[in-house]
Amino acid sequence: MPGSRGCNRGGSISTEPRINDRIRVPEVRLVGPSGEQVGIVPLAKALELAQEYDLDLVEVAASARPPVCKLMDYGKFKYESAMKAREARKNQAHTVIKEMKLRPKIDPHDYDTKKGHVVRFLKQGDKVKITIMFRGREQSRPELGYRLLQRLASDVEELGFIESNPKQDGRNMIMVLGPHKKKTEAMAEAREAQAARKAERQGVATAGDEAPAEETAPAEDATEAAPEVASAEADGPNDEA
């Protein structure tokens, strides 16, 4: 169908800049390899300089009049750009909301366990949605849930703060805690801690490899001392005789 062919052609348009003989203009504003301004030159002259420097002529501002082109190693430029984009994605922080559910009359052991999870989430730079679930007659005692949420917020105040105050939602009461640390900071600290643990393991392994060499030294002394012991034993009968 004509319409579909048009869509396909539109989707295949390249977003990469034009380089070398793909540039179709009479003249360009040329930038040198070190960023110096060469000025407006004929396209043929710019291509000649590119060959002279063993570089590519890359169109960096196609909408300018005349277009701006730069002399560069385009393959190296693409590789470095891909590495920067990859690093940016690696360090990109995504906001995550974890959820923790509690009962108003939770026992101390379960409370400590749940609090431990909240602490871990906040250390990771994540928000935590705390939900108190009321059942039966507990619904007539909302103050139990409110006090429990306030207690939890107080216990983790060094790591997080109340971002959304406790509010009733049907049979539940909900509060949201936000971390003091940003997600990017938490990720950076986690990577540093992982690198430290790796270095520590490597140090222990290296020390373990060196240990046997130190233990072999006494064995050599024993073998050297052995003939003296044997000769002393051999001399014994002669003395008695």
Protein backbone atom coordinates (compact mmCIF):
# COMPACT_ATOMS: atom_id res chain seq x y z
CA MET A 1 0.00 0.00 0.00
CA PRO A 2 1.32 3.47 -0.82
CA GLY A 3 0.66 4.77 2.68
CA SER A 4 2.60 1.95 4.35
CA ARG A 5 5.57 2.37 2.01
CA GLY A 6 5.72 6.04 2.96
CA CYS A 7 5.74 5.11 6.66
CA ASN A 8 8.57 2.64 6.14
CA ARG A 9 10.67 5.20 4.33
CA GLY A 10 10.04 7.71 7.10
CA GLY A 11 11.06 5.21 9.81
CA SER A 12 14.36 4.38 8.11
CA ILE A 13 15.72 7.94 8.17
CA SER A 14 19.13 7.91 9.83
CA THR A 15 19.82 10.18 12.79
CA GLU A 16 23.59 9.99 12.30
CA PRO A 17 25.38 13.08 10.94
CA ARG A 18 26.54 13.21 7.36
CA ILE A 19 30.26 12.62 6.89
CA ASN A 20 32.79 13.04 4.07
CA ASP A 21 31.30 12.60 0.57
CA ARG A 22 27.75 12.36 1.97
CA ILE A 23 27.89 16.11 2.65
CA ARG A 24 26.19 17.89 -0.29
CA VAL A 25 26.77 21.64 0.07
CA PRO A 26 29.06 24.03 -1.84
CA GLU A 27 30.84 25.35 1.27
CA VAL A 28 31.05 24.72 5.01
CA ARG A 29 32.11 26.53 8.17
CA LEU A 30 35.08 24.38 9.17
CA VAL A 31 36.29 23.58 12.70
CA GLY A 32 39.75 22.05 13.04
CA PRO A 33 40.72 18.89 14.96
CA SER A 34 41.50 20.85 18.15
CA GLY A 35 38.37 22.99 17.99
CA GLU A 36 40.01 25.93 16.25
CA GLN A 37 37.88 27.95 13.84
CA VAL A 38 39.19 27.61 10.28
CA GLY A 39 36.37 29.63 8.73
CA ILE A 40 34.14 29.23 5.67
CA VAL A 41 35.83 27.09 3.02
CA PRO A 42 34.67 25.24 -0.12
CA LEU A 43 33.57 21.67 0.49
CA ALA A 44 36.38 20.38 -1.75
CA LYS A 45 38.96 22.19 0.39
CA ALA A 46 37.47 20.78 3.60
CA LEU A 47 37.59 17.23 2.22
CA GLU A 48 41.18 17.81 1.14
CA LEU A 49 42.14 18.87 4.67
CA ALA A 50 40.37 15.80 6.08
CA GLN A 51 42.50 13.54 3.89
CA GLU A 52 45.62 15.48 4.84
CA TYR A 53 44.96 14.98 8.58
CA ASP A 54 43.73 11.39 8.02
CA LEU A 55 40.42 12.34 9.66
CA ASP A 56 36.73 12.52 8.74
CA LEU A 57 34.75 15.60 7.81
CA VAL A 58 31.66 15.45 10.05
CA GLU A 59 28.63 17.73 9.75
CA VAL A 60 27.90 18.82 13.34
CA ALA A 61 25.34 21.60 12.69
CA ALA A 62 23.34 20.88 9.54
CA SER A 63 20.82 23.68 10.11
CA ALA A 64 23.46 26.44 10.15
CA ARG A 65 24.12 28.49 7.04
CA PRO A 66 26.57 27.35 5.87
CA PRO A 67 26.58 24.02 7.76
CA VAL A 68 29.25 23.60 10.42
CA CYS A 69 31.62 20.69 9.89
CA LYS A 70 34.45 19.42 12.06
CA LEU A 71 37.57 17.38 11.36
CA MET A 72 37.58 14.35 13.68
CA ASP A 73 38.06 10.59 13.96
CA TYR A 74 34.40 9.68 13.58
CA GLY A 75 34.84 6.04 14.63
CA LYS A 76 36.52 7.09 17.89
CA PHE A 77 33.87 9.77 18.42
CA LYS A 78 31.03 7.23 18.07
CA TYR A 79 32.74 4.81 20.48
CA GLU A 80 33.29 7.48 23.15
CA SER A 81 29.72 8.72 22.77
CA ALA A 82 28.38 5.17 23.23
CA MET A 83 30.51 4.71 26.36
CA LYS A 84 29.24 7.99 27.85
CA ALA A 85 25.64 7.03 27.13
CA ARG A 86 26.18 3.62 28.71
CA GLU A 87 27.69 5.18 31.84
CA ALA A 88 24.81 7.65 32.06
CA ARG A 89 22.28 4.80 31.92
CA LYS A 90 24.25 2.90 34.54
CA ASN A 91 24.14 5.85 36.95
CA GLN A 92 20.53 6.74 36.17
CA ALA A 93 18.38 6.59 39.28
CA HIS A 94 14.83 5.24 39.12
CA THR A 95 12.48 6.19 41.93
CA VAL A 96 11.14 3.01 43.53
CA ILE A 97 8.39 2.80 46.15
CA LYS A 98 8.63 -0.28 48.35
CA GLU A 99 5.69 -1.40 50.48
CA MET A 100 5.66 -2.80 54.00
CA LYS A 101 2.46 -4.07 55.67
CA LEU A 102 1.97 -4.24 59.43
CA ARG A 103 -0.80 -5.15 61.85
CA PRO A 104 -1.78 -2.74 64.67
CA LYS A 105 -0.98 -5.35 67.37
CA ILE A 106 2.26 -6.62 65.82
CA ASP A 107 4.55 -8.52 68.20
CA PRO A 108 8.03 -7.13 69.01
CA HIS A 109 9.95 -9.73 66.95
CA ASP A 110 7.89 -9.14 63.81
CA TYR A 111 8.17 -5.38 64.32
CA ASP A 112 11.98 -5.58 64.44
CA THR A 113 11.98 -7.70 61.27
CA LYS A 114 9.72 -5.28 59.41
CA LYS A 115 11.74 -2.30 60.63
CA GLY A 116 14.91 -3.98 59.34
CA HIS A 117 13.39 -4.16 55.87
CA VAL A 118 12.40 -0.48 56.02
CA VAL A 119 15.94 0.45 57.07
CA ARG A 120 17.37 -1.50 54.13
CA PHE A 121 15.02 0.16 51.64
CA LEU A 122 15.82 3.65 52.91
CA LYS A 123 19.56 2.93 52.78
CA GLN A 124 19.10 1.98 49.13
CA GLY A 125 17.51 5.39 48.50
CA ASP A 126 13.99 4.01 47.97
CA LYS A 127 10.73 5.37 49.31
CA VAL A 128 8.69 3.10 51.59
CA LYS A 129 4.90 2.94 51.77
CA ILE A 130 3.87 1.69 55.22
CA THR A 131 0.39 0.15 55.40
CA ILE A 132 -1.35 -0.68 58.68
CA MET A 133 -4.07 -3.28 58.07
CA PHE A 134 -7.06 -3.21 60.44
CA ARG A 135 -9.35 -6.21 60.89
CA GLY A 136 -12.62 -6.58 62.75
CA ARG A 137 -12.82 -4.52 65.92
CA GLU A 138 -9.37 -3.04 65.22
CA GLN A 139 -11.08 -0.61 62.84
CA SER A 140 -12.57 1.19 65.86
CA ARG A 141 -9.05 1.84 67.22
CA PRO A 142 -7.27 3.85 64.50
CA GLU A 143 -5.06 5.47 67.14
CA LEU A 144 -3.23 2.12 67.47
CA GLY A 145 -2.14 2.30 63.85
CA TYR A 146 -1.25 5.98 64.11
CA ARG A 147 0.98 5.42 67.14
CA LEU A 148 2.67 2.48 65.42
CA LEU A 149 3.45 4.57 62.33
CA GLN A 150 4.82 7.40 64.47
CA ARG A 151 6.99 4.92 66.36
CA LEU A 152 8.39 3.46 63.15
CA ALA A 153 9.08 6.92 61.72
CA SER A 154 10.93 7.84 64.91
CA ASP A 155 13.00 4.62 64.85
CA VAL A 156 14.27 5.30 61.30
CA GLU A 157 14.46 9.11 61.41
CA GLU A 158 18.23 9.04 60.78
CA LEU A 159 17.61 7.40 57.40
CA GLY A 160 14.23 8.77 56.30
CA PHE A 161 11.51 11.31 56.90
CA ILE A 162 7.72 11.35 56.72
CA GLU A 163 6.92 12.35 53.15
CA SER A 164 3.19 11.64 53.43
CA ASN A 165 1.53 11.83 56.85
CA PRO A 166 -0.60 8.90 58.08
CA LYS A 167 -4.08 8.87 56.58
CA GLN A 168 -7.00 6.47 56.66
CA ASP A 169 -7.76 4.59 53.43
CA GLY A 170 -10.72 2.27 53.99
CA ARG A 171 -9.60 -0.48 56.35
CA ASN A 172 -5.96 0.60 56.07
CA MET A 173 -3.85 3.48 57.31
CA ILE A 174 -1.01 4.58 55.03
CA MET A 175 2.18 6.59 55.52
CA VAL A 176 5.04 7.18 53.07
CA LEU A 177 8.66 7.53 54.20
CA GLY A 178 11.23 9.21 51.98
CA PRO A 179 15.01 8.60 52.19
CA HIS A 180 17.42 11.34 53.22
CA LYS A 181 19.92 10.05 50.64
CA LYS A 182 19.31 10.39 46.94
CA LYS A 183 19.17 7.21 44.90
CA THR A 184 22.36 8.12 43.02
CA GLU A 185 24.26 8.61 46.31
CA ALA A 186 23.04 5.27 47.65
CA MET A 187 24.07 3.53 44.42
CA ALA A 188 27.53 5.11 44.55
CA GLU A 189 28.03 4.02 48.16
CA ALA A 190 26.88 0.50 47.33
CA ARG A 191 29.43 0.29 44.49
CA GLU A 192 32.20 1.56 46.79
CA ALA A 193 31.29 -0.99 49.45
CA GLN A 194 31.26 -3.78 46.86
CA ALA A 195 34.69 -2.72 45.58
CA ALA A 196 36.03 -2.64 49.15
CA ARG A 197 34.72 -6.15 49.85
CA LYS A 198 36.26 -7.41 46.61
CA ALA A 199 39.63 -5.88 47.48
CA GLU A 200 39.45 -7.41 50.96
CA ARG A 201 38.71 -10.88 49.52
CA GLN A 202 41.63 -10.55 47.10
CA GLY A 203 43.89 -9.52 49.98
CA VAL A 204 42.88 -12.56 52.03
CA ALA A 205 43.43 -14.84 49.03
CA THR A 206 46.90 -13.39 48.43
CA ALA A 207 47.85 -13.86 52.08
CA GLY A 208 46.66 -17.45 51.91
CA ASP A 209 48.84 -18.13 48.86
CA GLU A 210 51.93 -16.76 50.60
CA ALA A 211 51.40 -18.70 53.85
CA PRO A 212 52.68 -22.15 52.67
CA ALA A 213 56.04 -20.64 51.61
CA GLU A 214 56.69 -19.54 55.22
CA GLU A 215 55.75 -22.95 56.63
CA THR A 216 58.27 -24.84 54.47
CA ALA A 217 61.30 -23.20 56.14
CA PRO A 218 61.22 -25.27 59.38
CA ALA A 219 61.05 -28.49 57.35
CA GLU A 220 64.48 -27.76 55.81
CA ASP A 221 66.01 -27.23 59.26
CA ALA A 222 64.64 -30.60 60.35
CA THR A 223 66.28 -32.43 57.46
CA GLU A 224 69.62 -30.77 58.17
CA ALA A 225 69.43 -31.71 61.84
CA ALA A 226 68.56 -35.33 61.11
CA PRO A 227 72.14 -36.54 60.32
CA GLU A 228 73.42 -35.12 63.64
CA VAL A 229 70.79 -37.08 65.56
CA ALA A 230 71.63 -40.23 63.65
CA SER A 231 75.36 -39.83 64.26
CA ALA A 232 74.76 -39.24 67.94
CA GLU A 233 72.79 -42.45 68.13
CA ALA A 234 75.53 -44.26 66.20
CA ASP A 235 78.20 -43.02 68.55
CA GLY A 236 76.31 -44.35 71.54
CA PRO A 237 77.37 -48.06 71.31
CA ASN A 238 81.03 -47.19 70.68
CA ASP A 239 81.20 -45.20 73.91
CA GLU A 240 79.67 -48.07 75.86
CA ALA A 241 82.17 -50.47 74.34
